[in-house]
Amino acid sequence: MFLALLVHVDNIILAGNDLQACTEFKLYLNDCFQIKDLCPLKYFLGIEVARGPRGLFLCQHKYALGIVKEGGLLDSKPSAFPMEENHKLALVQGRVLDDLSWY
């Protein structure tokens, strides 16, 4: 039998390979702390969880989309290449920063 308890602040994930043992442990936790069982895991700490015949699929699409939206970049167009091909980097001479206190 295997049971794993993942805790983050006031959120808990219980995973195991024995359904009866998981159920008994949830009852024990409820007796001690009055927990709320939200049933099968769907979303946790920015990670979406989907179940399939071959196991679990974890995805952060919703989380990443939220970051892009918050940055105001939803209407941005993708670039086939992030910078000019064969761009040669050169050493810059002179003052690097005008005011170091900002950095």
Protein backbone atom coordinates (compact mmCIF):
# COMPACT_ATOMS: atom_id res chain seq x y z
CA MET A 1 0.00 0.00 0.00
CA PHE A 2 1.17 3.54 -0.84
CA LEU A 3 -0.26 6.82 0.47
CA ALA A 4 1.13 10.26 -0.32
CA LEU A 5 -0.02 13.41 1.39
CA LEU A 6 0.96 16.68 -0.30
CA VAL A 7 0.31 19.79 1.79
CA HIS A 8 0.44 23.44 0.72
CA VAL A 9 -0.82 25.94 3.29
CA ASP A 10 -4.43 24.79 3.80
CA ASN A 11 -4.69 22.59 0.70
CA ILE A 12 -4.05 18.86 0.82
CA ILE A 13 -3.78 16.25 -1.91
CA LEU A 14 -4.10 12.62 -0.90
CA ALA A 15 -2.90 10.06 -3.42
CA GLY A 16 -2.60 6.33 -3.05
CA ASN A 17 -3.00 2.96 -4.67
CA ASP A 18 -5.58 1.63 -2.18
CA LEU A 19 -9.00 3.30 -2.36
CA GLN A 20 -10.13 1.85 0.98
CA ALA A 21 -7.01 3.14 2.76
CA CYS A 22 -7.50 6.59 1.19
CA THR A 23 -11.12 6.68 2.33
CA GLU A 24 -10.21 5.64 5.88
CA PHE A 25 -7.43 8.23 6.04
CA LYS A 26 -9.80 10.97 4.83
CA LEU A 27 -12.26 9.99 7.57
CA TYR A 28 -9.45 10.16 10.13
CA LEU A 29 -8.38 13.61 8.90
CA ASN A 30 -11.99 14.78 9.01
CA ASP A 31 -12.32 13.62 12.63
CA CYS A 32 -9.16 15.56 13.54
CA PHE A 33 -9.52 18.71 11.43
CA GLN A 34 -12.99 18.80 9.80
CA ILE A 35 -11.74 18.74 6.22
CA LYS A 36 -13.74 19.30 3.05
CA ASP A 37 -13.37 16.57 0.40
CA LEU A 38 -13.45 18.14 -3.07
CA CYS A 39 -13.40 14.72 -4.78
CA PRO A 40 -11.08 13.92 -7.71
CA LEU A 41 -8.29 16.43 -8.24
CA LYS A 42 -8.87 18.85 -11.14
CA TYR A 43 -6.76 21.93 -10.36
CA PHE A 44 -4.01 22.60 -7.80
CA LEU A 45 -1.47 25.46 -7.55
CA GLY A 46 -1.83 26.48 -11.18
CA ILE A 47 -1.69 22.92 -12.49
CA GLU A 48 -4.68 21.37 -14.26
CA VAL A 49 -5.04 17.62 -13.78
CA ALA A 50 -6.84 15.39 -16.29
CA ARG A 51 -7.26 11.64 -15.99
CA GLY A 52 -6.95 9.30 -18.91
CA PRO A 53 -6.67 5.57 -19.53
CA ARG A 54 -2.86 5.83 -19.47
CA GLY A 55 -2.64 7.91 -16.27
CA LEU A 56 -2.64 11.57 -15.29
CA PHE A 57 -1.99 14.51 -17.59
CA LEU A 58 -0.69 17.71 -15.98
CA CYS A 59 -1.01 21.03 -17.81
CA GLN A 60 -0.32 24.67 -16.93
CA HIS A 61 -2.10 26.17 -19.96
CA LYS A 62 -4.62 28.12 -17.88
CA TYR A 63 -1.88 29.43 -15.58
CA ALA A 64 0.37 30.50 -18.48
CA LEU A 65 -2.56 32.11 -20.31
CA GLY A 66 -3.31 34.14 -17.17
CA ILE A 67 0.27 35.43 -17.08
CA VAL A 68 0.12 36.41 -20.77
CA LYS A 69 -3.23 38.14 -20.22
CA GLU A 70 -1.97 39.98 -17.14
CA GLY A 71 1.02 41.20 -19.16
CA GLY A 72 -1.32 42.55 -21.85
CA LEU A 73 0.15 40.29 -24.52
CA LEU A 74 -2.95 38.34 -25.62
CA ASP A 75 -3.06 40.15 -28.98
CA SER A 76 0.65 39.63 -29.68
CA LYS A 77 1.59 37.78 -32.83
CA PRO A 78 4.03 34.90 -32.59
CA SER A 79 7.37 35.16 -34.31
CA ALA A 80 8.72 32.34 -36.43
CA PHE A 81 12.19 33.20 -35.18
CA PRO A 82 12.78 35.21 -31.98
CA MET A 83 15.63 37.29 -33.39
CA GLU A 84 17.44 38.00 -36.61
CA GLU A 85 19.13 34.88 -37.94
CA ASN A 86 22.93 34.78 -37.74
CA HIS A 87 22.95 37.87 -35.51
CA LYS A 88 26.47 38.55 -34.24
CA LEU A 89 26.69 39.69 -30.65
CA ALA A 90 29.22 42.42 -29.99
CA LEU A 91 30.80 43.86 -26.89
CA VAL A 92 29.36 47.23 -25.96
CA GLN A 93 31.80 49.79 -24.74
CA GLY A 94 31.06 52.71 -22.48
CA ARG A 95 28.91 53.03 -19.37
CA VAL A 96 26.68 50.04 -18.85
CA LEU A 97 24.09 51.75 -16.66
CA ASP A 98 23.53 55.42 -15.90
CA ASP A 99 22.17 54.89 -12.40
CA LEU A 100 23.11 51.62 -10.67
CA SER A 101 20.70 52.28 -7.76
CA TRP A 102 17.74 51.33 -9.97
CA TYR A 103 19.19 47.83 -10.38
